[in-house]
Amino acid sequence: MNRYILIRRLRGPAFLLLIGVLALLSQADILSWGKSWPLFLILGGVLALAERAAIASEGPSVPYAGAPYPGAPYPGGVNPVAGPAQGTTAIVQANSPDYGKDSAGGQS
């Protein structure tokens, strides 16, 4: 498993564990909830640094074999997402150029 994904998956349990430890410390009157907020910031910063270190240690990502570079033309010249008519819009023009004028059968 990727180290970055492992650290991302441990983020929630780490904060839950910190909340549990702080609850125990609060019950023992060692540390109050109001003074424990810097611990959340420290834990978040440590996890963010660990994620960045995991990403940096992996090196550049290599696309899978046979993948075209970003922006490469599609095979056959047709974008399957855009459909066959590239560069056109789906707006249909009205038959009559006078929208506001009252005509037979129109709205009044």
PDB file of N, CA and C in Angstrom:
ATOM      1  N   MET A   1       0.844  -1.173   0.000  1.00  0.00           N
ATOM      2  CA  MET A   1       0.000   0.000   0.000  1.00  0.00           C
ATOM      3  C   MET A   1       0.892   1.239   0.000  1.00  0.00           C
ATOM      4  N   ASN A   2       0.432   2.252  -0.639  1.00  0.00           N
ATOM      5  CA  ASN A   2       1.117   3.521  -0.735  1.00  0.00           C
ATOM      6  C   ASN A   2       1.225   4.155   0.660  1.00  0.00           C
ATOM      7  N   ARG A   3       2.400   4.713   1.000  1.00  0.00           N
ATOM      8  CA  ARG A   3       2.566   5.319   2.329  1.00  0.00           C
ATOM      9  C   ARG A   3       1.677   6.538   2.511  1.00  0.00           C
ATOM     10  N   TYR A   4       1.476   7.304   1.439  1.00  0.00           N
ATOM     11  CA  TYR A   4       0.615   8.481   1.526  1.00  0.00           C
ATOM     12  C   TYR A   4      -0.816   8.078   1.872  1.00  0.00           C
ATOM     13  N   ILE A   5      -1.311   7.034   1.225  1.00  0.00           N
ATOM     14  CA  ILE A   5      -2.673   6.573   1.499  1.00  0.00           C
ATOM     15  C   ILE A   5      -2.774   6.059   2.926  1.00  0.00           C
ATOM     16  N   LEU A   6      -1.733   5.369   3.402  1.00  0.00           N
ATOM     17  CA  LEU A   6      -1.733   4.869   4.773  1.00  0.00           C
ATOM     18  C   LEU A   6      -1.818   6.020   5.775  1.00  0.00           C
ATOM     19  N   ILE A   7      -1.057   7.073   5.545  1.00  0.00           N
ATOM     20  CA  ILE A   7      -1.089   8.223   6.461  1.00  0.00           C
ATOM     21  C   ILE A   7      -2.448   8.909   6.404  1.00  0.00           C
ATOM     22  N   ARG A   8      -3.037   9.033   5.197  1.00  0.00           N
ATOM     23  CA  ARG A   8      -4.371   9.644   5.074  1.00  0.00           C
ATOM     24  C   ARG A   8      -5.417   8.833   5.819  1.00  0.00           C
ATOM     25  N   ARG A   9      -5.291   7.508   5.775  1.00  0.00           N
ATOM     26  CA  ARG A   9      -6.255   6.657   6.467  1.00  0.00           C
ATOM     27  C   ARG A   9      -6.077   6.694   7.975  1.00  0.00           C
ATOM     28  N   LEU A  10      -4.904   7.030   8.448  1.00  0.00           N
ATOM     29  CA  LEU A  10      -4.662   7.096   9.893  1.00  0.00           C
ATOM     30  C   LEU A  10      -5.004   8.459  10.490  1.00  0.00           C
ATOM     31  N   ARG A  11      -5.363   9.429   9.664  1.00  0.00           N
ATOM     32  CA  ARG A  11      -5.661  10.775  10.145  1.00  0.00           C
ATOM     33  C   ARG A  11      -6.849  10.774  11.112  1.00  0.00           C
ATOM     34  N   GLY A  12      -7.950  10.177  10.735  1.00  0.00           N
ATOM     35  CA  GLY A  12      -9.138  10.132  11.594  1.00  0.00           C
ATOM     36  C   GLY A  12      -8.902   9.397  12.904  1.00  0.00           C
ATOM     37  N   PRO A  13      -8.352   8.165  12.846  1.00  0.00           N
ATOM     38  CA  PRO A  13      -8.072   7.473  14.103  1.00  0.00           C
ATOM     39  C   PRO A  13      -7.079   8.208  15.005  1.00  0.00           C
ATOM     40  N   ALA A  14      -6.131   8.929  14.423  1.00  0.00           N
ATOM     41  CA  ALA A  14      -5.173   9.674  15.247  1.00  0.00           C
ATOM     42  C   ALA A  14      -5.877  10.791  16.017  1.00  0.00           C
ATOM     43  N   PHE A  15      -6.789  11.501  15.348  1.00  0.00           N
ATOM     44  CA  PHE A  15      -7.538  12.551  16.047  1.00  0.00           C
ATOM     45  C   PHE A  15      -8.471  11.952  17.094  1.00  0.00           C
ATOM     46  N   LEU A  16      -9.080  10.813  16.795  1.00  0.00           N
ATOM     47  CA  LEU A  16      -9.934  10.154  17.784  1.00  0.00           C
ATOM     48  C   LEU A  16      -9.132   9.717  19.000  1.00  0.00           C
ATOM     49  N   LEU A  17      -7.947   9.193  18.772  1.00  0.00           N
ATOM     50  CA  LEU A  17      -7.079   8.795  19.879  1.00  0.00           C
ATOM     51  C   LEU A  17      -6.680  10.004  20.716  1.00  0.00           C
ATOM     52  N   LEU A  18      -6.376  11.110  20.065  1.00  0.00           N
ATOM     53  CA  LEU A  18      -6.031  12.331  20.799  1.00  0.00           C
ATOM     54  C   LEU A  18      -7.211  12.812  21.643  1.00  0.00           C
ATOM     55  N   ILE A  19      -8.422  12.738  21.101  1.00  0.00           N
ATOM     56  CA  ILE A  19      -9.606  13.140  21.872  1.00  0.00           C
ATOM     57  C   ILE A  19      -9.766  12.244  23.087  1.00  0.00           C
ATOM     58  N   GLY A  20      -9.540  10.940  22.930  1.00  0.00           N
ATOM     59  CA  GLY A  20      -9.640  10.018  24.059  1.00  0.00           C
ATOM     60  C   GLY A  20      -8.608  10.299  25.137  1.00  0.00           C
ATOM     61  N   VAL A  21      -7.373  10.554  24.720  1.00  0.00           N
ATOM     62  CA  VAL A  21      -6.317  10.868  25.687  1.00  0.00           C
ATOM     63  C   VAL A  21      -6.631  12.176  26.405  1.00  0.00           C
ATOM     64  N   LEU A  22      -7.122  13.166  25.665  1.00  0.00           N
ATOM     65  CA  LEU A  22      -7.458  14.446  26.295  1.00  0.00           C
ATOM     66  C   LEU A  22      -8.643  14.297  27.249  1.00  0.00           C
ATOM     67  N   ALA A  23      -9.586  13.407  26.928  1.00  0.00           N
ATOM     68  CA  ALA A  23     -10.708  13.164  27.840  1.00  0.00           C
ATOM     69  C   ALA A  23     -10.204  12.541  29.138  1.00  0.00           C
ATOM     70  N   LEU A  24      -9.268  11.606  29.032  1.00  0.00           N
ATOM     71  CA  LEU A  24      -8.699  11.007  30.246  1.00  0.00           C
ATOM     72  C   LEU A  24      -7.927  12.046  31.060  1.00  0.00           C
ATOM     73  N   LEU A  25      -7.160  12.895  30.387  1.00  0.00           N
ATOM     74  CA  LEU A  25      -6.408  13.928  31.097  1.00  0.00           C
ATOM     75  C   LEU A  25      -7.338  14.952  31.731  1.00  0.00           C
ATOM     76  N   SER A  26      -8.453  15.212  31.090  1.00  0.00           N
ATOM     77  CA  SER A  26      -9.424  16.152  31.646  1.00  0.00           C
ATOM     78  C   SER A  26     -10.104  15.555  32.876  1.00  0.00           C
ATOM     79  N   GLN A  27     -10.408  14.257  32.838  1.00  0.00           N
ATOM     80  CA  GLN A  27     -11.019  13.606  34.002  1.00  0.00           C
ATOM     81  C   GLN A  27     -10.066  13.577  35.189  1.00  0.00           C
ATOM     82  N   ALA A  28      -8.770  13.471  34.918  1.00  0.00           N
ATOM     83  CA  ALA A  28      -7.774  13.433  35.987  1.00  0.00           C
ATOM     84  C   ALA A  28      -7.346  14.837  36.408  1.00  0.00           C
ATOM     85  N   ASP A  29      -7.980  15.852  35.885  1.00  0.00           N
ATOM     86  CA  ASP A  29      -7.654  17.257  36.181  1.00  0.00           C
ATOM     87  C   ASP A  29      -6.188  17.597  35.916  1.00  0.00           C
ATOM     88  N   ILE A  30      -5.638  17.028  34.848  1.00  0.00           N
ATOM     89  CA  ILE A  30      -4.262  17.319  34.457  1.00  0.00           C
ATOM     90  C   ILE A  30      -4.238  18.398  33.383  1.00  0.00           C
ATOM     91  N   LEU A  31      -5.156  18.284  32.417  1.00  0.00           N
ATOM     92  CA  LEU A  31      -5.207  19.228  31.312  1.00  0.00           C
ATOM     93  C   LEU A  31      -6.663  19.478  30.972  1.00  0.00           C
ATOM     94  N   SER A  32      -7.044  20.755  30.871  1.00  0.00           N
ATOM     95  CA  SER A  32      -8.441  21.063  30.562  1.00  0.00           C
ATOM     96  C   SER A  32      -8.648  21.109  29.055  1.00  0.00           C
ATOM     97  N   TRP A  33      -9.907  20.998  28.624  1.00  0.00           N
ATOM     98  CA  TRP A  33     -10.239  21.039  27.209  1.00  0.00           C
ATOM     99  C   TRP A  33      -9.888  22.393  26.589  1.00  0.00           C
ATOM    100  N   GLY A  34     -10.043  23.460  27.357  1.00  0.00           N
ATOM    101  CA  GLY A  34      -9.776  24.794  26.824  1.00  0.00           C
ATOM    102  C   GLY A  34      -8.314  25.036  26.504  1.00  0.00           C
ATOM    103  N   LYS A  35      -7.411  24.337  27.174  1.00  0.00           N
ATOM    104  CA  LYS A  35      -5.987  24.531  26.951  1.00  0.00           C
ATOM    105  C   LYS A  35      -5.372  23.458  26.063  1.00  0.00           C
ATOM    106  N   SER A  36      -6.195  22.582  25.508  1.00  0.00           N
ATOM    107  CA  SER A  36      -5.645  21.476  24.727  1.00  0.00           C
ATOM    108  C   SER A  36      -5.743  21.694  23.219  1.00  0.00           C
ATOM    109  N   TRP A  37      -6.284  22.823  22.768  1.00  0.00           N
ATOM    110  CA  TRP A  37      -6.445  23.036  21.334  1.00  0.00           C
ATOM    111  C   TRP A  37      -5.126  23.063  20.565  1.00  0.00           C
ATOM    112  N   PRO A  38      -3.994  23.502  21.156  1.00  0.00           N
ATOM    113  CA  PRO A  38      -2.745  23.451  20.376  1.00  0.00           C
ATOM    114  C   PRO A  38      -2.323  22.027  20.014  1.00  0.00           C
ATOM    115  N   LEU A  39      -2.750  21.051  20.803  1.00  0.00           N
ATOM    116  CA  LEU A  39      -2.390  19.668  20.487  1.00  0.00           C
ATOM    117  C   LEU A  39      -3.031  19.212  19.179  1.00  0.00           C
ATOM    118  N   PHE A  40      -4.240  19.690  18.888  1.00  0.00           N
ATOM    119  CA  PHE A  40      -4.892  19.350  17.627  1.00  0.00           C
ATOM    120  C   PHE A  40      -4.132  19.965  16.447  1.00  0.00           C
ATOM    121  N   LEU A  41      -3.671  21.191  16.625  1.00  0.00           N
ATOM    122  CA  LEU A  41      -2.891  21.835  15.567  1.00  0.00           C
ATOM    123  C   LEU A  41      -1.554  21.125  15.346  1.00  0.00           C
ATOM    124  N   ILE A  42      -0.928  20.718  16.434  1.00  0.00           N
ATOM    125  CA  ILE A  42       0.346  20.014  16.321  1.00  0.00           C
ATOM    126  C   ILE A  42       0.155  18.676  15.613  1.00  0.00           C
ATOM    127  N   LEU A  43      -0.877  17.929  15.992  1.00  0.00           N
ATOM    128  CA  LEU A  43      -1.137  16.643  15.356  1.00  0.00           C
ATOM    129  C   LEU A  43      -1.450  16.812  13.871  1.00  0.00           C
ATOM    130  N   GLY A  44      -2.254  17.820  13.540  1.00  0.00           N
ATOM    131  CA  GLY A  44      -2.554  18.077  12.134  1.00  0.00           C
ATOM    132  C   GLY A  44      -1.312  18.453  11.342  1.00  0.00           C
ATOM    133  N   GLY A  45      -0.432  19.255  11.927  1.00  0.00           N
ATOM    134  CA  GLY A  45       0.812  19.636  11.261  1.00  0.00           C
ATOM    135  C   GLY A  45       1.759  18.469  11.073  1.00  0.00           C
ATOM    136  N   VAL A  46       1.868  17.613  12.072  1.00  0.00           N
ATOM    137  CA  VAL A  46       2.743  16.439  11.966  1.00  0.00           C
ATOM    138  C   VAL A  46       2.231  15.500  10.878  1.00  0.00           C
ATOM    139  N   LEU A  47       0.915  15.298  10.830  1.00  0.00           N
ATOM    140  CA  LEU A  47       0.353  14.425   9.799  1.00  0.00           C
ATOM    141  C   LEU A  47       0.520  15.027   8.404  1.00  0.00           C
ATOM    142  N   ALA A  48       0.374  16.343   8.283  1.00  0.00           N
ATOM    143  CA  ALA A  48       0.571  16.994   6.986  1.00  0.00           C
ATOM    144  C   ALA A  48       2.023  16.872   6.526  1.00  0.00           C
ATOM    145  N   LEU A  49       2.969  17.037   7.452  1.00  0.00           N
ATOM    146  CA  LEU A  49       4.386  16.864   7.095  1.00  0.00           C
ATOM    147  C   LEU A  49       4.683  15.425   6.694  1.00  0.00           C
ATOM    148  N   ALA A  50       4.075  14.468   7.378  1.00  0.00           N
ATOM    149  CA  ALA A  50       4.286  13.062   7.030  1.00  0.00           C
ATOM    150  C   ALA A  50       3.720  12.754   5.646  1.00  0.00           C
ATOM    151  N   GLU A  51       2.580  13.341   5.306  1.00  0.00           N
ATOM    152  CA  GLU A  51       2.002  13.137   3.973  1.00  0.00           C
ATOM    153  C   GLU A  51       2.906  13.712   2.890  1.00  0.00           C
ATOM    154  N   ARG A  52       3.429  14.910   3.133  1.00  0.00           N
ATOM    155  CA  ARG A  52       4.315  15.532   2.142  1.00  0.00           C
ATOM    156  C   ARG A  52       5.600  14.742   1.981  1.00  0.00           C
ATOM    157  N   ALA A  53       6.123  14.202   3.089  1.00  0.00           N
ATOM    158  CA  ALA A  53       7.340  13.391   3.013  1.00  0.00           C
ATOM    159  C   ALA A  53       7.077  12.102   2.248  1.00  0.00           C
ATOM    160  N   ALA A  54       5.896  11.514   2.433  1.00  0.00           N
ATOM    161  CA  ALA A  54       5.559  10.288   1.704  1.00  0.00           C
ATOM    162  C   ALA A  54       5.425  10.561   0.219  1.00  0.00           C
ATOM    163  N   ILE A  55       4.842  11.693  -0.146  1.00  0.00           N
ATOM    164  CA  ILE A  55       4.710  12.045  -1.563  1.00  0.00           C
ATOM    165  C   ILE A  55       6.082  12.328  -2.175  1.00  0.00           C
ATOM    166  N   ALA A  56       6.939  13.023  -1.440  1.00  0.00           N
ATOM    167  CA  ALA A  56       8.261  13.372  -1.967  1.00  0.00           C
ATOM    168  C   ALA A  56       9.146  12.136  -2.126  1.00  0.00           C
ATOM    169  N   SER A  57       8.978  11.141  -1.269  1.00  0.00           N
ATOM    170  CA  SER A  57       9.825   9.956  -1.355  1.00  0.00           C
ATOM    171  C   SER A  57       9.434   9.037  -2.507  1.00  0.00           C
ATOM    172  N   GLU A  58       8.217   9.174  -3.021  1.00  0.00           N
ATOM    173  CA  GLU A  58       7.771   8.319  -4.117  1.00  0.00           C
ATOM    174  C   GLU A  58       8.358   8.728  -5.455  1.00  0.00           C
ATOM    175  N   GLY A  59       8.649   9.983  -5.643  1.00  0.00           N
ATOM    176  CA  GLY A  59       9.167  10.448  -6.919  1.00  0.00           C
ATOM    177  C   GLY A  59       8.025  10.775  -7.860  1.00  0.00           C
ATOM    178  N   PRO A  60       8.374  11.133  -9.105  1.00  0.00           N
ATOM    179  CA  PRO A  60       7.319  11.507 -10.054  1.00  0.00           C
ATOM    180  C   PRO A  60       6.472  10.301 -10.449  1.00  0.00           C
ATOM    181  N   SER A  61       5.206  10.564 -10.681  1.00  0.00           N
ATOM    182  CA  SER A  61       4.316   9.485 -11.081  1.00  0.00           C
ATOM    183  C   SER A  61       4.458   9.234 -12.583  1.00  0.00           C
ATOM    184  N   VAL A  62       4.417   7.975 -12.957  1.00  0.00           N
ATOM    185  CA  VAL A  62       4.542   7.584 -14.350  1.00  0.00           C
ATOM    186  C   VAL A  62       3.177   7.094 -14.809  1.00  0.00           C
ATOM    187  N   PRO A  63       2.641   7.656 -15.896  1.00  0.00           N
ATOM    188  CA  PRO A  63       1.338   7.180 -16.359  1.00  0.00           C
ATOM    189  C   PRO A  63       1.437   5.734 -16.837  1.00  0.00           C
ATOM    190  N   TYR A  64       0.324   5.072 -16.857  1.00  0.00           N
ATOM    191  CA  TYR A  64       0.321   3.675 -17.295  1.00  0.00           C
ATOM    192  C   TYR A  64       0.688   3.583 -18.770  1.00  0.00           C
ATOM    193  N   ALA A  65       1.163   2.436 -19.163  1.00  0.00           N
ATOM    194  CA  ALA A  65       1.659   2.248 -20.529  1.00  0.00           C
ATOM    195  C   ALA A  65       0.537   2.438 -21.537  1.00  0.00           C
ATOM    196  N   GLY A  66       0.820   3.127 -22.581  1.00  0.00           N
ATOM    197  CA  GLY A  66      -0.153   3.338 -23.640  1.00  0.00           C
ATOM    198  C   GLY A  66      -1.011   4.565 -23.440  1.00  0.00           C
ATOM    199  N   ALA A  67      -0.799   5.298 -22.364  1.00  0.00           N
ATOM    200  CA  ALA A  67      -1.600   6.491 -22.111  1.00  0.00           C
ATOM    201  C   ALA A  67      -1.040   7.651 -22.913  1.00  0.00           C
ATOM    202  N   PRO A  68      -1.887   8.360 -23.633  1.00  0.00           N
ATOM    203  CA  PRO A  68      -1.384   9.521 -24.366  1.00  0.00           C
ATOM    204  C   PRO A  68      -1.094  10.666 -23.396  1.00  0.00           C
ATOM    205  N   TYR A  69      -0.280  11.586 -23.835  1.00  0.00           N
ATOM    206  CA  TYR A  69       0.022  12.735 -23.009  1.00  0.00           C
ATOM    207  C   TYR A  69      -1.234  13.600 -22.860  1.00  0.00           C
ATOM    208  N   PRO A  70      -1.331  14.415 -21.807  1.00  0.00           N
ATOM    209  CA  PRO A  70      -2.517  15.263 -21.634  1.00  0.00           C
ATOM    210  C   PRO A  70      -2.669  16.232 -22.794  1.00  0.00           C
ATOM    211  N   GLY A  71      -3.837  16.299 -23.349  1.00  0.00           N
ATOM    212  CA  GLY A  71      -4.100  17.170 -24.477  1.00  0.00           C
ATOM    213  C   GLY A  71      -3.881  16.510 -25.818  1.00  0.00           C
ATOM    214  N   ALA A  72      -3.562  15.224 -25.815  1.00  0.00           N
ATOM    215  CA  ALA A  72      -3.354  14.522 -27.081  1.00  0.00           C
ATOM    216  C   ALA A  72      -4.685  14.364 -27.793  1.00  0.00           C
ATOM    217  N   PRO A  73      -4.658  14.388 -29.132  1.00  0.00           N
ATOM    218  CA  PRO A  73      -5.918  14.202 -29.860  1.00  0.00           C
ATOM    219  C   PRO A  73      -6.438  12.783 -29.674  1.00  0.00           C
ATOM    220  N   TYR A  74      -7.750  12.660 -29.734  1.00  0.00           N
ATOM    221  CA  TYR A  74      -8.368  11.350 -29.594  1.00  0.00           C
ATOM    222  C   TYR A  74      -8.172  10.537 -30.865  1.00  0.00           C
ATOM    223  N   PRO A  75      -8.099   9.216 -30.724  1.00  0.00           N
ATOM    224  CA  PRO A  75      -7.959   8.410 -31.936  1.00  0.00           C
ATOM    225  C   PRO A  75      -9.217   8.555 -32.795  1.00  0.00           C
ATOM    226  N   GLY A  76      -9.043   8.806 -34.042  1.00  0.00           N
ATOM    227  CA  GLY A  76     -10.170   8.997 -34.943  1.00  0.00           C
ATOM    228  C   GLY A  76     -10.612  10.443 -35.008  1.00  0.00           C
ATOM    229  N   GLY A  77     -10.065  11.311 -34.155  1.00  0.00           N
ATOM    230  CA  GLY A  77     -10.381  12.728 -34.199  1.00  0.00           C
ATOM    231  C   GLY A  77     -11.684  13.122 -33.535  1.00  0.00           C
ATOM    232  N   VAL A  78     -12.398  12.201 -32.870  1.00  0.00           N
ATOM    233  CA  VAL A  78     -13.685  12.530 -32.260  1.00  0.00           C
ATOM    234  C   VAL A  78     -13.565  12.353 -30.763  1.00  0.00           C
ATOM    235  N   ASN A  79     -13.932  13.372 -30.019  1.00  0.00           N
ATOM    236  CA  ASN A  79     -13.961  13.298 -28.570  1.00  0.00           C
ATOM    237  C   ASN A  79     -15.210  12.535 -28.153  1.00  0.00           C
ATOM    238  N   PRO A  80     -15.077  11.391 -27.463  1.00  0.00           N
ATOM    239  CA  PRO A  80     -16.265  10.614 -27.109  1.00  0.00           C
ATOM    240  C   PRO A  80     -17.152  11.320 -26.096  1.00  0.00           C
ATOM    241  N   VAL A  81     -16.598  12.243 -25.331  1.00  0.00           N
ATOM    242  CA  VAL A  81     -17.394  12.958 -24.344  1.00  0.00           C
ATOM    243  C   VAL A  81     -18.177  14.081 -25.005  1.00  0.00           C
ATOM    244  N   ALA A  82     -17.540  14.802 -25.910  1.00  0.00           N
ATOM    245  CA  ALA A  82     -18.185  15.951 -26.541  1.00  0.00           C
ATOM    246  C   ALA A  82     -19.174  15.544 -27.620  1.00  0.00           C
ATOM    247  N   GLY A  83     -19.083  14.345 -28.139  1.00  0.00           N
ATOM    248  CA  GLY A  83     -19.998  13.916 -29.183  1.00  0.00           C
ATOM    249  C   GLY A  83     -19.437  14.228 -30.562  1.00  0.00           C
ATOM    250  N   PRO A  84     -20.188  13.912 -31.595  1.00  0.00           N
ATOM    251  CA  PRO A  84     -19.659  14.060 -32.949  1.00  0.00           C
ATOM    252  C   PRO A  84     -19.536  15.498 -33.426  1.00  0.00           C
ATOM    253  N   ALA A  85     -20.323  16.426 -32.907  1.00  0.00           N
ATOM    254  CA  ALA A  85     -20.311  17.794 -33.412  1.00  0.00           C
ATOM    255  C   ALA A  85     -19.494  18.677 -32.481  1.00  0.00           C
ATOM    256  N   GLN A  86     -18.186  18.722 -32.689  1.00  0.00           N
ATOM    257  CA  GLN A  86     -17.339  19.555 -31.863  1.00  0.00           C
ATOM    258  C   GLN A  86     -17.365  20.990 -32.376  1.00  0.00           C
ATOM    259  N   GLY A  87     -17.334  21.919 -31.441  1.00  0.00           N
ATOM    260  CA  GLY A  87     -17.276  23.321 -31.812  1.00  0.00           C
ATOM    261  C   GLY A  87     -18.638  23.944 -32.041  1.00  0.00           C
ATOM    262  N   THR A  88     -19.704  23.198 -31.926  1.00  0.00           N
ATOM    263  CA  THR A  88     -21.043  23.754 -32.091  1.00  0.00           C
ATOM    264  C   THR A  88     -21.748  23.764 -30.752  1.00  0.00           C
ATOM    265  N   THR A  89     -22.781  24.546 -30.663  1.00  0.00           N
ATOM    266  CA  THR A  89     -23.548  24.599 -29.433  1.00  0.00           C
ATOM    267  C   THR A  89     -24.871  23.879 -29.619  1.00  0.00           C
ATOM    268  N   ALA A  90     -25.510  23.584 -28.512  1.00  0.00           N
ATOM    269  CA  ALA A  90     -26.791  22.883 -28.560  1.00  0.00           C
ATOM    270  C   ALA A  90     -27.958  23.860 -28.484  1.00  0.00           C
ATOM    271  N   ILE A  91     -27.715  25.147 -28.677  1.00  0.00           N
ATOM    272  CA  ILE A  91     -28.782  26.138 -28.612  1.00  0.00           C
ATOM    273  C   ILE A  91     -29.510  26.146 -29.950  1.00  0.00           C
ATOM    274  N   VAL A  92     -30.819  26.038 -29.896  1.00  0.00           N
ATOM    275  CA  VAL A  92     -31.638  26.019 -31.116  1.00  0.00           C
ATOM    276  C   VAL A  92     -32.226  27.408 -31.310  1.00  0.00           C
ATOM    277  N   GLN A  93     -32.081  27.964 -32.510  1.00  0.00           N
ATOM    278  CA  GLN A  93     -32.615  29.283 -32.776  1.00  0.00           C
ATOM    279  C   GLN A  93     -34.122  29.212 -32.972  1.00  0.00           C
ATOM    280  N   ALA A  94     -34.788  30.290 -32.616  1.00  0.00           N
ATOM    281  CA  ALA A  94     -36.238  30.356 -32.783  1.00  0.00           C
ATOM    282  C   ALA A  94     -36.580  30.591 -34.251  1.00  0.00           C
ATOM    283  N   ASN A  95     -37.775  30.229 -34.633  1.00  0.00           N
ATOM    284  CA  ASN A  95     -38.204  30.411 -36.022  1.00  0.00           C
ATOM    285  C   ASN A  95     -38.447  31.877 -36.344  1.00  0.00           C
ATOM    286  N   SER A  96     -38.925  32.617 -35.367  1.00  0.00           N
ATOM    287  CA  SER A  96     -39.287  34.006 -35.597  1.00  0.00           C
ATOM    288  C   SER A  96     -38.293  34.925 -34.892  1.00  0.00           C
ATOM    289  N   PRO A  97     -37.770  35.953 -35.578  1.00  0.00           N
ATOM    290  CA  PRO A  97     -36.833  36.866 -34.928  1.00  0.00           C
ATOM    291  C   PRO A  97     -37.515  37.890 -34.026  1.00  0.00           C
ATOM    292  N   ASP A  98     -38.854  38.038 -34.076  1.00  0.00           N
ATOM    293  CA  ASP A  98     -39.538  39.039 -33.274  1.00  0.00           C
ATOM    294  C   ASP A  98     -40.206  38.360 -32.074  1.00  0.00           C
ATOM    295  N   TYR A  99     -39.466  38.284 -30.961  1.00  0.00           N
ATOM    296  CA  TYR A  99     -39.959  37.603 -29.775  1.00  0.00           C
ATOM    297  C   TYR A  99     -41.032  38.407 -29.044  1.00  0.00           C
ATOM    298  N   GLY A 100     -40.860  39.694 -28.930  1.00  0.00           N
ATOM    299  CA  GLY A 100     -41.748  40.504 -28.119  1.00  0.00           C
ATOM    300  C   GLY A 100     -43.033  40.912 -28.806  1.00  0.00           C
ATOM    301  N   LYS A 101     -43.106  40.804 -30.106  1.00  0.00           N
ATOM    302  CA  LYS A 101     -44.294  41.269 -30.819  1.00  0.00           C
ATOM    303  C   LYS A 101     -45.422  40.253 -30.692  1.00  0.00           C
ATOM    304  N   ASP A 102     -46.634  40.791 -30.653  1.00  0.00           N
ATOM    305  CA  ASP A 102     -47.809  39.936 -30.559  1.00  0.00           C
ATOM    306  C   ASP A 102     -48.174  39.408 -31.928  1.00  0.00           C
ATOM    307  N   SER A 103     -48.165  38.109 -32.061  1.00  0.00           N
ATOM    308  CA  SER A 103     -48.498  37.500 -33.349  1.00  0.00           C
ATOM    309  C   SER A 103     -49.660  36.532 -33.155  1.00  0.00           C
ATOM    310  N   ALA A 104     -50.198  36.074 -34.218  1.00  0.00           N
ATOM    311  CA  ALA A 104     -51.344  35.164 -34.154  1.00  0.00           C
ATOM    312  C   ALA A 104     -50.933  33.876 -33.482  1.00  0.00           C
ATOM    313  N   GLY A 105     -51.660  33.493 -32.443  1.00  0.00           N
ATOM    314  CA  GLY A 105     -51.381  32.258 -31.738  1.00  0.00           C
ATOM    315  C   GLY A 105     -50.338  32.386 -30.667  1.00  0.00           C
ATOM    316  N   GLY A 106     -49.742  33.575 -30.475  1.00  0.00           N
ATOM    317  CA  GLY A 106     -48.717  33.752 -29.465  1.00  0.00           C
ATOM    318  C   GLY A 106     -49.312  34.192 -28.140  1.00  0.00           C
ATOM    319  N   GLN A 107     -48.486  34.395 -27.195  1.00  0.00           N
ATOM    320  CA  GLN A 107     -48.955  34.870 -25.893  1.00  0.00           C
ATOM    321  C   GLN A 107     -49.244  36.355 -25.965  1.00  0.00           C
ATOM    322  N   SER A 108     -50.198  36.796 -25.169  1.00  0.00           N
ATOM    323  CA  SER A 108     -50.505  38.209 -25.168  1.00  0.00           C
ATOM    324  C   SER A 108     -50.151  38.856 -23.855  1.00  0.00           C
TER     325      SER A 108
END
